[in-house]
C-alpha atoms as a PDB file:
ATOM      1  CA  MET A   1       0.000   0.000   0.000  1.00  0.00           C
ATOM      2  CA  VAL A   2       2.998   2.297   0.347  1.00  0.00           C
ATOM      3  CA  TYR A   3       4.596   3.487  -2.856  1.00  0.00           C
ATOM      4  CA  TYR A   4       8.296   4.337  -3.109  1.00  0.00           C
ATOM      5  CA  ARG A   5       8.650   4.723   0.626  1.00  0.00           C
ATOM      6  CA  GLU A   6      11.458   7.043   1.640  1.00  0.00           C
ATOM      7  CA  HIS A   7      11.015   7.368   5.400  1.00  0.00           C
ATOM      8  CA  ILE A   8       8.398   7.377   8.128  1.00  0.00           C
ATOM      9  CA  GLN A   9       7.867   9.894  10.923  1.00  0.00           C
ATOM     10  CA  LEU A  10       5.869   8.862  14.006  1.00  0.00           C
ATOM     11  CA  VAL A  11       4.013  11.491  16.010  1.00  0.00           C
ATOM     12  CA  SER A  12       1.974  10.758  19.153  1.00  0.00           C
ATOM     13  CA  ASP A  13      -0.883  13.068  20.168  1.00  0.00           C
ATOM     14  CA  ASP A  14      -3.766  12.395  22.555  1.00  0.00           C
ATOM     15  CA  ARG A  15      -3.734   8.611  22.094  1.00  0.00           C
ATOM     16  CA  ILE A  16      -3.631   8.929  18.322  1.00  0.00           C
ATOM     17  CA  PHE A  17      -0.457   7.890  16.556  1.00  0.00           C
ATOM     18  CA  ARG A  18       0.135   9.526  13.199  1.00  0.00           C
ATOM     19  CA  PHE A  19       2.527   8.197  10.604  1.00  0.00           C
ATOM     20  CA  ASN A  20       3.602  10.690   7.978  1.00  0.00           C
ATOM     21  CA  ILE A  21       4.925   8.727   5.034  1.00  0.00           C
ATOM     22  CA  TYR A  22       6.890  10.744   2.524  1.00  0.00           C
ATOM     23  CA  THR A  23       6.515   9.138  -0.893  1.00  0.00           C
ATOM     24  CA  ALA A  24       7.918  10.617  -4.056  1.00  0.00           C
ATOM     25  CA  GLY A  25       7.437  14.137  -2.758  1.00  0.00           C
ATOM     26  CA  HIS A  26       3.966  13.571  -1.358  1.00  0.00           C
ATOM     27  CA  ILE A  27       2.794  13.061   2.223  1.00  0.00           C
ATOM     28  CA  TRP A  28       0.379  10.279   3.116  1.00  0.00           C
ATOM     29  CA  HIS A  29      -1.154  10.445   6.576  1.00  0.00           C
ATOM     30  CA  ILE A  30      -1.743   7.160   8.382  1.00  0.00           C
ATOM     31  CA  CYS A  31      -3.476   7.253  11.761  1.00  0.00           C
ATOM     32  CA  PHE A  32      -3.872   4.603  14.431  1.00  0.00           C
ATOM     33  CA  CYS A  33      -6.625   5.315  16.940  1.00  0.00           C
ATOM     34  CA  VAL A  34      -5.757   3.792  20.287  1.00  0.00           C
ATOM     35  CA  HIS A  35      -8.606   2.408  22.382  1.00  0.00           C
ATOM     36  CA  ALA A  36      -8.605   0.652  25.737  1.00  0.00           C
ATOM     37  CA  ARG A  37      -8.657  -2.823  24.247  1.00  0.00           C
ATOM     38  CA  ASP A  38      -7.135  -2.514  20.808  1.00  0.00           C
ATOM     39  CA  VAL A  39      -5.473  -0.412  18.172  1.00  0.00           C
ATOM     40  CA  ILE A  40      -7.560   0.421  15.112  1.00  0.00           C
ATOM     41  CA  PHE A  41      -6.156   1.585  11.815  1.00  0.00           C
ATOM     42  CA  TYR A  42      -8.701   4.165  10.718  1.00  0.00           C
ATOM     43  CA  SER A  43      -7.516   6.107   7.738  1.00  0.00           C
ATOM     44  CA  ILE A  44      -4.920   6.541   5.093  1.00  0.00           C
ATOM     45  CA  GLY A  45      -5.095   9.326   2.592  1.00  0.00           C
ATOM     46  CA  PHE A  46      -4.704  12.789   1.336  1.00  0.00           C
ATOM     47  CA  MET A  47      -7.054  14.763   3.596  1.00  0.00           C
ATOM     48  CA  GLY A  48      -4.335  16.408   5.640  1.00  0.00           C
ATOM     49  CA  SER A  49      -2.427  17.747   2.657  1.00  0.00           C
ATOM     50  CA  THR A  50      -3.688  19.479  -0.474  1.00  0.00           C
ATOM     51  CA  ASP A  51      -0.508  19.034  -2.500  1.00  0.00           C
ATOM     52  CA  THR A  52      -0.775  15.290  -3.176  1.00  0.00           C
ATOM     53  CA  VAL A  53      -1.333  14.068  -6.709  1.00  0.00           C
ATOM     54  CA  LEU A  54      -4.556  12.316  -5.734  1.00  0.00           C
ATOM     55  CA  TRP A  55      -6.053  15.316  -3.949  1.00  0.00           C
ATOM     56  CA  GLN A  56      -5.213  17.603  -6.862  1.00  0.00           C
ATOM     57  CA  TYR A  57      -6.905  15.194  -9.257  1.00  0.00           C
ATOM     58  CA  LEU A  58     -10.213  15.128  -7.379  1.00  0.00           C
ATOM     59  CA  SER A  59     -13.047  17.497  -8.227  1.00  0.00           C
ATOM     60  CA  ASP A  60     -14.437  19.859  -5.587  1.00  0.00           C
ATOM     61  CA  ASP A  61     -17.469  17.600  -5.054  1.00  0.00           C
ATOM     62  CA  GLN A  62     -15.227  14.565  -4.595  1.00  0.00           C
ATOM     63  CA  ARG A  63     -13.039  16.422  -2.105  1.00  0.00           C
ATOM     64  CA  GLN A  64     -16.136  17.354  -0.140  1.00  0.00           C
ATOM     65  CA  LEU A  65     -17.147  13.694   0.102  1.00  0.00           C
ATOM     66  CA  ALA A  66     -13.695  12.870   1.468  1.00  0.00           C
ATOM     67  CA  GLN A  67     -14.010  15.604   4.057  1.00  0.00           C
ATOM     68  CA  ASP A  68     -17.533  14.447   4.970  1.00  0.00           C
ATOM     69  CA  GLY A  69     -16.102  10.995   5.591  1.00  0.00           C
ATOM     70  CA  GLN A  70     -13.544  12.398   7.984  1.00  0.00           C
ATOM     71  CA  VAL A  71     -16.285  14.233   9.866  1.00  0.00           C
ATOM     72  CA  LEU A  72     -18.195  10.979  10.350  1.00  0.00           C
ATOM     73  CA  ILE A  73     -15.084   9.230  11.665  1.00  0.00           C
ATOM     74  CA  ALA A  74     -14.406  12.114  14.055  1.00  0.00           C
ATOM     75  CA  GLU A  75     -18.019  12.090  15.285  1.00  0.00           C
ATOM     76  CA  ARG A  76     -17.903   8.345  15.862  1.00  0.00           C
ATOM     77  CA  LYS A  77     -15.012   8.791  18.283  1.00  0.00           C
ATOM     78  CA  GLN A  78     -17.259  10.942  20.505  1.00  0.00           C
ATOM     79  CA  HIS A  79     -19.703   8.075  21.146  1.00  0.00           C
ATOM     80  CA  ASP A  80     -19.536   4.767  22.916  1.00  0.00           C
ATOM     81  CA  ALA A  81     -17.793   2.128  20.806  1.00  0.00           C
ATOM     82  CA  ASP A  82     -20.653  -0.363  21.283  1.00  0.00           C
ATOM     83  CA  SER A  83     -23.530   2.019  20.573  1.00  0.00           C
ATOM     84  CA  VAL A  84     -23.781   1.092  16.860  1.00  0.00           C
ATOM     85  CA  SER A  85     -24.189  -2.451  15.517  1.00  0.00           C
ATOM     86  CA  ASP A  86     -23.159  -1.666  11.939  1.00  0.00           C
ATOM     87  CA  TYR A  87     -20.550   0.891  10.858  1.00  0.00           C
ATOM     88  CA  SER A  88     -21.311   0.654   7.149  1.00  0.00           C
ATOM     89  CA  TYR A  89     -22.368   4.297   7.222  1.00  0.00           C
ATOM     90  CA  LEU A  90     -18.720   5.331   7.685  1.00  0.00           C
ATOM     91  CA  VAL A  91     -17.881   3.778   4.319  1.00  0.00           C
ATOM     92  CA  PHE A  92     -20.650   5.499   2.367  1.00  0.00           C
ATOM     93  CA  PRO A  93     -18.959   8.856   1.542  1.00  0.00           C
ATOM     94  CA  TYR A  94     -15.818   7.038   0.399  1.00  0.00           C
ATOM     95  CA  ALA A  95     -17.763   4.508  -1.684  1.00  0.00           C
ATOM     96  CA  LYS A  96     -19.633   7.354  -3.364  1.00  0.00           C
ATOM     97  CA  LEU A  97     -16.327   9.175  -3.867  1.00  0.00           C
ATOM     98  CA  TYR A  98     -14.849   6.017  -5.415  1.00  0.00           C
ATOM     99  CA  GLU A  99     -17.654   5.811  -7.963  1.00  0.00           C
ATOM    100  CA  GLY A 100     -17.192   9.433  -9.014  1.00  0.00           C
ATOM    101  CA  PHE A 101     -13.437   8.994  -9.088  1.00  0.00           C
ATOM    102  CA  LEU A 102     -13.627   5.948 -11.368  1.00  0.00           C
ATOM    103  CA  LYS A 103     -16.005   7.700 -13.758  1.00  0.00           C
ATOM    104  CA  GLU A 104     -13.598  10.629 -13.919  1.00  0.00           C
ATOM    105  CA  VAL A 105     -10.616   8.359 -14.554  1.00  0.00           C
ATOM    106  CA  PHE A 106     -12.429   6.316 -17.191  1.00  0.00           C
ATOM    107  CA  LEU A 107     -13.357   9.510 -19.016  1.00  0.00           C
ATOM    108  CA  ASP A 108      -9.826  10.902 -18.858  1.00  0.00           C
ATOM    109  CA  ILE A 109      -8.195   7.715 -20.156  1.00  0.00           C
ATOM    110  CA  ARG A 110     -10.889   7.582 -22.860  1.00  0.00           C
ATOM    111  CA  LEU A 111     -12.350   4.353 -21.651  1.00  0.00           C
ATOM    112  CA  ILE A 112     -15.862   5.837 -21.682  1.00  0.00           C
ATOM    113  CA  SER A 113     -17.415   8.667 -23.662  1.00  0.00           C
ATOM    114  CA  ASP A 114     -18.571  12.005 -22.324  1.00  0.00           C
ATOM    115  CA  ARG A 115     -22.127  10.851 -22.975  1.00  0.00           C
ATOM    116  CA  GLU A 116     -21.616   7.750 -20.817  1.00  0.00           C
ATOM    117  CA  TYR A 117     -19.917   9.834 -18.127  1.00  0.00           C
ATOM    118  CA  ARG A 118     -22.949  12.122 -17.837  1.00  0.00           C
ATOM    119  CA  SER A 119     -25.572   9.399 -18.277  1.00  0.00           C
ATOM    120  CA  ASP A 120     -27.904   8.441 -15.432  1.00  0.00           C
ATOM    121  CA  HIS A 121     -27.939   4.894 -16.809  1.00  0.00           C
ATOM    122  CA  PHE A 122     -24.218   4.121 -17.058  1.00  0.00           C
ATOM    123  CA  ARG A 123     -23.203   1.535 -14.460  1.00  0.00           C
ATOM    124  CA  ILE A 124     -19.607   1.277 -13.273  1.00  0.00           C
ATOM    125  CA  GLY A 125     -20.189  -2.137 -11.714  1.00  0.00           C
ATOM    126  CA  LYS A 126     -21.357  -3.606 -14.998  1.00  0.00           C
ATOM    127  CA  VAL A 127     -18.380  -2.542 -17.111  1.00  0.00           C
ATOM    128  CA  LEU A 128     -15.941  -3.371 -14.285  1.00  0.00           C
ATOM    129  CA  SER A 129     -17.156  -6.908 -13.705  1.00  0.00           C
ATOM    130  CA  PRO A 130     -14.755  -9.580 -14.949  1.00  0.00           C
ATOM    131  CA  ASN A 131     -17.757 -11.915 -15.182  1.00  0.00           C
ATOM    132  CA  LEU A 132     -19.245  -9.748 -17.938  1.00  0.00           C
ATOM    133  CA  ALA A 133     -15.992  -9.053 -19.785  1.00  0.00           C
ATOM    134  CA  ARG A 134     -16.559 -11.556 -22.590  1.00  0.00           C
ATOM    135  CA  ARG A 135     -20.156 -10.487 -23.149  1.00  0.00           C
ATOM    136  CA  LEU A 136     -19.313  -6.761 -23.202  1.00  0.00           C
ATOM    137  CA  GLY A 137     -16.325  -7.177 -25.487  1.00  0.00           C
ATOM    138  CA  GLN A 138     -14.699  -3.815 -26.259  1.00  0.00           C
ATOM    139  CA  ARG A 139     -17.126  -2.091 -23.887  1.00  0.00           C
ATOM    140  CA  SER A 140     -15.615  -3.916 -20.908  1.00  0.00           C
ATOM    141  CA  ALA A 141     -13.654  -1.548 -18.684  1.00  0.00           C
ATOM    142  CA  TYR A 142     -12.139  -4.552 -16.936  1.00  0.00           C
ATOM    143  CA  THR A 143     -10.681  -5.939 -20.168  1.00  0.00           C
ATOM    144  CA  THR A 144      -9.287  -2.545 -21.166  1.00  0.00           C
ATOM    145  CA  LEU A 145      -7.656  -2.047 -17.765  1.00  0.00           C
ATOM    146  CA  VAL A 146      -6.037  -5.492 -18.021  1.00  0.00           C
ATOM    147  CA  LYS A 147      -4.644  -4.751 -21.484  1.00  0.00           C
ATOM    148  CA  ARG A 148      -3.310  -1.302 -20.602  1.00  0.00           C
ATOM    149  CA  TYR A 149      -2.210  -1.606 -16.990  1.00  0.00           C
ATOM    150  CA  GLY A 150      -2.220  -5.279 -16.059  1.00  0.00           C
ATOM    151  CA  THR A 151      -4.438  -7.802 -14.330  1.00  0.00           C
ATOM    152  CA  SER A 152      -3.318  -6.818 -10.820  1.00  0.00           C
ATOM    153  CA  LEU A 153      -4.684  -3.281 -11.060  1.00  0.00           C
ATOM    154  CA  ALA A 154      -7.889  -4.342 -12.823  1.00  0.00           C
ATOM    155  CA  ASP A 155      -8.597  -7.010 -10.200  1.00  0.00           C
ATOM    156  CA  GLU A 156      -7.960  -4.614  -7.309  1.00  0.00           C
ATOM    157  CA  VAL A 157     -10.211  -1.904  -8.785  1.00  0.00           C
ATOM    158  CA  TRP A 158     -12.988  -4.478  -9.191  1.00  0.00           C
ATOM    159  CA  SER A 159     -12.442  -6.118  -5.796  1.00  0.00           C
ATOM    160  CA  VAL A 160     -12.628  -2.786  -3.965  1.00  0.00           C
ATOM    161  CA  TRP A 161     -15.786  -1.900  -5.879  1.00  0.00           C
ATOM    162  CA  LYS A 162     -17.403  -5.185  -4.910  1.00  0.00           C
ATOM    163  CA  GLN A 163     -16.195  -5.322  -1.301  1.00  0.00           C
ATOM    164  CA  GLY A 164     -16.482  -1.618  -0.543  1.00  0.00           C
ATOM    165  CA  ARG A 165     -19.797  -0.925  -2.210  1.00  0.00           C
ATOM    166  CA  ASN A 166     -21.924  -3.825  -3.439  1.00  0.00           C
ATOM    167  CA  LEU A 167     -21.467  -6.077  -0.414  1.00  0.00           C
ATOM    168  CA  VAL A 168     -21.808  -3.165   2.018  1.00  0.00           C
ATOM    169  CA  PHE A 169     -24.900  -1.322   0.837  1.00  0.00           C
ATOM    170  CA  HIS A 170     -27.066  -4.128  -0.511  1.00  0.00           C
ATOM    171  CA  TYR A 171     -29.283  -6.041   1.901  1.00  0.00           C
ATOM    172  CA  PHE A 172     -29.093  -9.822   1.758  1.00  0.00           C
ATOM    173  CA  PRO A 173     -31.556 -11.569   4.137  1.00  0.00           C
ATOM    174  CA  HIS A 174     -29.271 -14.595   4.405  1.00  0.00           C
ATOM    175  CA  ASN A 175     -26.195 -12.442   5.112  1.00  0.00           C
ATOM    176  CA  ILE A 176     -26.777  -8.949   6.533  1.00  0.00           C
ATOM    177  CA  ARG A 177     -23.015  -8.415   6.786  1.00  0.00           C
ATOM    178  CA  ARG A 178     -22.713  -5.872   9.558  1.00  0.00           C
ATOM    179  CA  LEU A 179     -19.393  -4.049   9.676  1.00  0.00           C
ATOM    180  CA  THR A 180     -17.426  -3.471  12.846  1.00  0.00           C
ATOM    181  CA  TYR A 181     -15.581  -0.200  13.220  1.00  0.00           C
ATOM    182  CA  ALA A 182     -12.347  -1.941  12.250  1.00  0.00           C
ATOM    183  CA  ASP A 183     -14.033  -3.514   9.202  1.00  0.00           C
ATOM    184  CA  ALA A 184     -15.319  -0.142   8.025  1.00  0.00           C
ATOM    185  CA  CYS A 185     -11.932   1.489   8.479  1.00  0.00           C
ATOM    186  CA  ALA A 186     -10.212  -1.302   6.582  1.00  0.00           C
ATOM    187  CA  LEU A 187     -12.570  -0.785   3.640  1.00  0.00           C
ATOM    188  CA  ILE A 188     -11.999   2.966   3.686  1.00  0.00           C
ATOM    189  CA  ASN A 189      -8.283   2.300   3.625  1.00  0.00           C
ATOM    190  CA  ARG A 190      -8.626  -0.028   0.646  1.00  0.00           C
ATOM    191  CA  ILE A 191     -10.699   2.515  -1.280  1.00  0.00           C
ATOM    192  CA  LEU A 192      -8.208   5.331  -0.749  1.00  0.00           C
ATOM    193  CA  SER A 193      -5.260   3.054  -1.389  1.00  0.00           C
ATOM    194  CA  VAL A 194      -6.510   1.797  -4.751  1.00  0.00           C
ATOM    195  CA  MET A 195      -7.423   5.335  -5.791  1.00  0.00           C
ATOM    196  CA  GLY A 196      -3.842   6.394  -5.169  1.00  0.00           C
ATOM    197  CA  ARG A 197      -2.582   3.391  -7.088  1.00  0.00           C
ATOM    198  CA  VAL A 198      -4.847   4.126 -10.065  1.00  0.00           C
ATOM    199  CA  VAL A 199      -3.618   7.715 -10.291  1.00  0.00           C
ATOM    200  CA  HIS A 200       0.035   6.692 -10.176  1.00  0.00           C
ATOM    201  CA  VAL A 201      -0.192   3.675 -12.499  1.00  0.00           C
ATOM    202  CA  THR A 202      -2.342   5.333 -15.175  1.00  0.00           C
ATOM    203  CA  GLY A 203      -0.648   8.731 -14.951  1.00  0.00           C
ATOM    204  CA  VAL A 204      -4.128  10.165 -15.357  1.00  0.00           C
ATOM    205  CA  HIS A 205      -3.271  13.254 -13.314  1.00  0.00           C
ATOM    206  CA  ASN A 206      -0.928  14.393 -16.089  1.00  0.00           C
ATOM    207  CA  ARG A 207      -3.888  14.817 -18.396  1.00  0.00           C
ATOM    208  CA  LYS A 208      -5.240  17.643 -16.230  1.00  0.00           C
ATOM    209  CA  THR A 209      -2.040  19.629 -15.872  1.00  0.00           C
END
Protein backbone atom coordinates (compact mmCIF):
# COMPACT_ATOMS: atom_id res chain seq x y z
CA MET A 1 0.00 0.00 0.00
CA VAL A 2 3.00 2.30 0.35
CA TYR A 3 4.60 3.49 -2.86
CA TYR A 4 8.30 4.34 -3.11
CA ARG A 5 8.65 4.72 0.63
CA GLU A 6 11.46 7.04 1.64
CA HIS A 7 11.01 7.37 5.40
CA ILE A 8 8.40 7.38 8.13
CA GLN A 9 7.87 9.89 10.92
CA LEU A 10 5.87 8.86 14.01
CA VAL A 11 4.01 11.49 16.01
CA SER A 12 1.97 10.76 19.15
CA ASP A 13 -0.88 13.07 20.17
CA ASP A 14 -3.77 12.39 22.55
CA ARG A 15 -3.73 8.61 22.09
CA ILE A 16 -3.63 8.93 18.32
CA PHE A 17 -0.46 7.89 16.56
CA ARG A 18 0.14 9.53 13.20
CA PHE A 19 2.53 8.20 10.60
CA ASN A 20 3.60 10.69 7.98
CA ILE A 21 4.92 8.73 5.03
CA TYR A 22 6.89 10.74 2.52
CA THR A 23 6.52 9.14 -0.89
CA ALA A 24 7.92 10.62 -4.06
CA GLY A 25 7.44 14.14 -2.76
CA HIS A 26 3.97 13.57 -1.36
CA ILE A 27 2.79 13.06 2.22
CA TRP A 28 0.38 10.28 3.12
CA HIS A 29 -1.15 10.45 6.58
CA ILE A 30 -1.74 7.16 8.38
CA CYS A 31 -3.48 7.25 11.76
CA PHE A 32 -3.87 4.60 14.43
CA CYS A 33 -6.62 5.31 16.94
CA VAL A 34 -5.76 3.79 20.29
CA HIS A 35 -8.61 2.41 22.38
CA ALA A 36 -8.60 0.65 25.74
CA ARG A 37 -8.66 -2.82 24.25
CA ASP A 38 -7.13 -2.51 20.81
CA VAL A 39 -5.47 -0.41 18.17
CA ILE A 40 -7.56 0.42 15.11
CA PHE A 41 -6.16 1.59 11.81
CA TYR A 42 -8.70 4.16 10.72
CA SER A 43 -7.52 6.11 7.74
CA ILE A 44 -4.92 6.54 5.09
CA GLY A 45 -5.09 9.33 2.59
CA PHE A 46 -4.70 12.79 1.34
CA MET A 47 -7.05 14.76 3.60
CA GLY A 48 -4.33 16.41 5.64
CA SER A 49 -2.43 17.75 2.66
CA THR A 50 -3.69 19.48 -0.47
CA ASP A 51 -0.51 19.03 -2.50
CA THR A 52 -0.78 15.29 -3.18
CA VAL A 53 -1.33 14.07 -6.71
CA LEU A 54 -4.56 12.32 -5.73
CA TRP A 55 -6.05 15.32 -3.95
CA GLN A 56 -5.21 17.60 -6.86
CA TYR A 57 -6.90 15.19 -9.26
CA LEU A 58 -10.21 15.13 -7.38
CA SER A 59 -13.05 17.50 -8.23
CA ASP A 60 -14.44 19.86 -5.59
CA ASP A 61 -17.47 17.60 -5.05
CA GLN A 62 -15.23 14.56 -4.60
CA ARG A 63 -13.04 16.42 -2.10
CA GLN A 64 -16.14 17.35 -0.14
CA LEU A 65 -17.15 13.69 0.10
CA ALA A 66 -13.70 12.87 1.47
CA GLN A 67 -14.01 15.60 4.06
CA ASP A 68 -17.53 14.45 4.97
CA GLY A 69 -16.10 11.00 5.59
CA GLN A 70 -13.54 12.40 7.98
CA VAL A 71 -16.28 14.23 9.87
CA LEU A 72 -18.19 10.98 10.35
CA ILE A 73 -15.08 9.23 11.66
CA ALA A 74 -14.41 12.11 14.06
CA GLU A 75 -18.02 12.09 15.28
CA ARG A 76 -17.90 8.35 15.86
CA LYS A 77 -15.01 8.79 18.28
CA GLN A 78 -17.26 10.94 20.51
CA HIS A 79 -19.70 8.07 21.15
CA ASP A 80 -19.54 4.77 22.92
CA ALA A 81 -17.79 2.13 20.81
CA ASP A 82 -20.65 -0.36 21.28
CA SER A 83 -23.53 2.02 20.57
CA VAL A 84 -23.78 1.09 16.86
CA SER A 85 -24.19 -2.45 15.52
CA ASP A 86 -23.16 -1.67 11.94
CA TYR A 87 -20.55 0.89 10.86
CA SER A 88 -21.31 0.65 7.15
CA TYR A 89 -22.37 4.30 7.22
CA LEU A 90 -18.72 5.33 7.69
CA VAL A 91 -17.88 3.78 4.32
CA PHE A 92 -20.65 5.50 2.37
CA PRO A 93 -18.96 8.86 1.54
CA TYR A 94 -15.82 7.04 0.40
CA ALA A 95 -17.76 4.51 -1.68
CA LYS A 96 -19.63 7.35 -3.36
CA LEU A 97 -16.33 9.18 -3.87
CA TYR A 98 -14.85 6.02 -5.42
CA GLU A 99 -17.65 5.81 -7.96
CA GLY A 100 -17.19 9.43 -9.01
CA PHE A 101 -13.44 8.99 -9.09
CA LEU A 102 -13.63 5.95 -11.37
CA LYS A 103 -16.00 7.70 -13.76
CA GLU A 104 -13.60 10.63 -13.92
CA VAL A 105 -10.62 8.36 -14.55
CA PHE A 106 -12.43 6.32 -17.19
CA LEU A 107 -13.36 9.51 -19.02
CA ASP A 108 -9.83 10.90 -18.86
CA ILE A 109 -8.20 7.72 -20.16
CA ARG A 110 -10.89 7.58 -22.86
CA LEU A 111 -12.35 4.35 -21.65
CA ILE A 112 -15.86 5.84 -21.68
CA SER A 113 -17.42 8.67 -23.66
CA ASP A 114 -18.57 12.01 -22.32
CA ARG A 115 -22.13 10.85 -22.98
CA GLU A 116 -21.62 7.75 -20.82
CA TYR A 117 -19.92 9.83 -18.13
CA ARG A 118 -22.95 12.12 -17.84
CA SER A 119 -25.57 9.40 -18.28
CA ASP A 120 -27.90 8.44 -15.43
CA HIS A 121 -27.94 4.89 -16.81
CA PHE A 122 -24.22 4.12 -17.06
CA ARG A 123 -23.20 1.53 -14.46
CA ILE A 124 -19.61 1.28 -13.27
CA GLY A 125 -20.19 -2.14 -11.71
CA LYS A 126 -21.36 -3.61 -15.00
CA VAL A 127 -18.38 -2.54 -17.11
CA LEU A 128 -15.94 -3.37 -14.29
CA SER A 129 -17.16 -6.91 -13.70
CA PRO A 130 -14.75 -9.58 -14.95
CA ASN A 131 -17.76 -11.92 -15.18
CA LEU A 132 -19.25 -9.75 -17.94
CA ALA A 133 -15.99 -9.05 -19.78
CA ARG A 134 -16.56 -11.56 -22.59
CA ARG A 135 -20.16 -10.49 -23.15
CA LEU A 136 -19.31 -6.76 -23.20
CA GLY A 137 -16.33 -7.18 -25.49
CA GLN A 138 -14.70 -3.81 -26.26
CA ARG A 139 -17.13 -2.09 -23.89
CA SER A 140 -15.62 -3.92 -20.91
CA ALA A 141 -13.65 -1.55 -18.68
CA TYR A 142 -12.14 -4.55 -16.94
CA THR A 143 -10.68 -5.94 -20.17
CA THR A 144 -9.29 -2.55 -21.17
CA LEU A 145 -7.66 -2.05 -17.76
CA VAL A 146 -6.04 -5.49 -18.02
CA LYS A 147 -4.64 -4.75 -21.48
CA ARG A 148 -3.31 -1.30 -20.60
CA TYR A 149 -2.21 -1.61 -16.99
CA GLY A 150 -2.22 -5.28 -16.06
CA THR A 151 -4.44 -7.80 -14.33
CA SER A 152 -3.32 -6.82 -10.82
CA LEU A 153 -4.68 -3.28 -11.06
CA ALA A 154 -7.89 -4.34 -12.82
CA ASP A 155 -8.60 -7.01 -10.20
CA GLU A 156 -7.96 -4.61 -7.31
CA VAL A 157 -10.21 -1.90 -8.78
CA TRP A 158 -12.99 -4.48 -9.19
CA SER A 159 -12.44 -6.12 -5.80
CA VAL A 160 -12.63 -2.79 -3.97
CA TRP A 161 -15.79 -1.90 -5.88
CA LYS A 162 -17.40 -5.18 -4.91
CA GLN A 163 -16.20 -5.32 -1.30
CA GLY A 164 -16.48 -1.62 -0.54
CA ARG A 165 -19.80 -0.92 -2.21
CA ASN A 166 -21.92 -3.82 -3.44
CA LEU A 167 -21.47 -6.08 -0.41
CA VAL A 168 -21.81 -3.17 2.02
CA PHE A 169 -24.90 -1.32 0.84
CA HIS A 170 -27.07 -4.13 -0.51
CA TYR A 171 -29.28 -6.04 1.90
CA PHE A 172 -29.09 -9.82 1.76
CA PRO A 173 -31.56 -11.57 4.14
CA HIS A 174 -29.27 -14.60 4.41
CA ASN A 175 -26.19 -12.44 5.11
CA ILE A 176 -26.78 -8.95 6.53
CA ARG A 177 -23.02 -8.41 6.79
CA ARG A 178 -22.71 -5.87 9.56
CA LEU A 179 -19.39 -4.05 9.68
CA THR A 180 -17.43 -3.47 12.85
CA TYR A 181 -15.58 -0.20 13.22
CA ALA A 182 -12.35 -1.94 12.25
CA ASP A 183 -14.03 -3.51 9.20
CA ALA A 184 -15.32 -0.14 8.03
CA CYS A 185 -11.93 1.49 8.48
CA ALA A 186 -10.21 -1.30 6.58
CA LEU A 187 -12.57 -0.78 3.64
CA ILE A 188 -12.00 2.97 3.69
CA ASN A 189 -8.28 2.30 3.62
CA ARG A 190 -8.63 -0.03 0.65
CA ILE A 191 -10.70 2.51 -1.28
CA LEU A 192 -8.21 5.33 -0.75
CA SER A 193 -5.26 3.05 -1.39
CA VAL A 194 -6.51 1.80 -4.75
CA MET A 195 -7.42 5.34 -5.79
CA GLY A 196 -3.84 6.39 -5.17
CA ARG A 197 -2.58 3.39 -7.09
CA VAL A 198 -4.85 4.13 -10.07
CA VAL A 199 -3.62 7.71 -10.29
CA HIS A 200 0.04 6.69 -10.18
CA VAL A 201 -0.19 3.68 -12.50
CA THR A 202 -2.34 5.33 -15.18
CA GLY A 203 -0.65 8.73 -14.95
CA VAL A 204 -4.13 10.16 -15.36
CA HIS A 205 -3.27 13.25 -13.31
CA ASN A 206 -0.93 14.39 -16.09
CA ARG A 207 -3.89 14.82 -18.40
CA LYS A 208 -5.24 17.64 -16.23
CA THR A 209 -2.04 19.63 -15.87
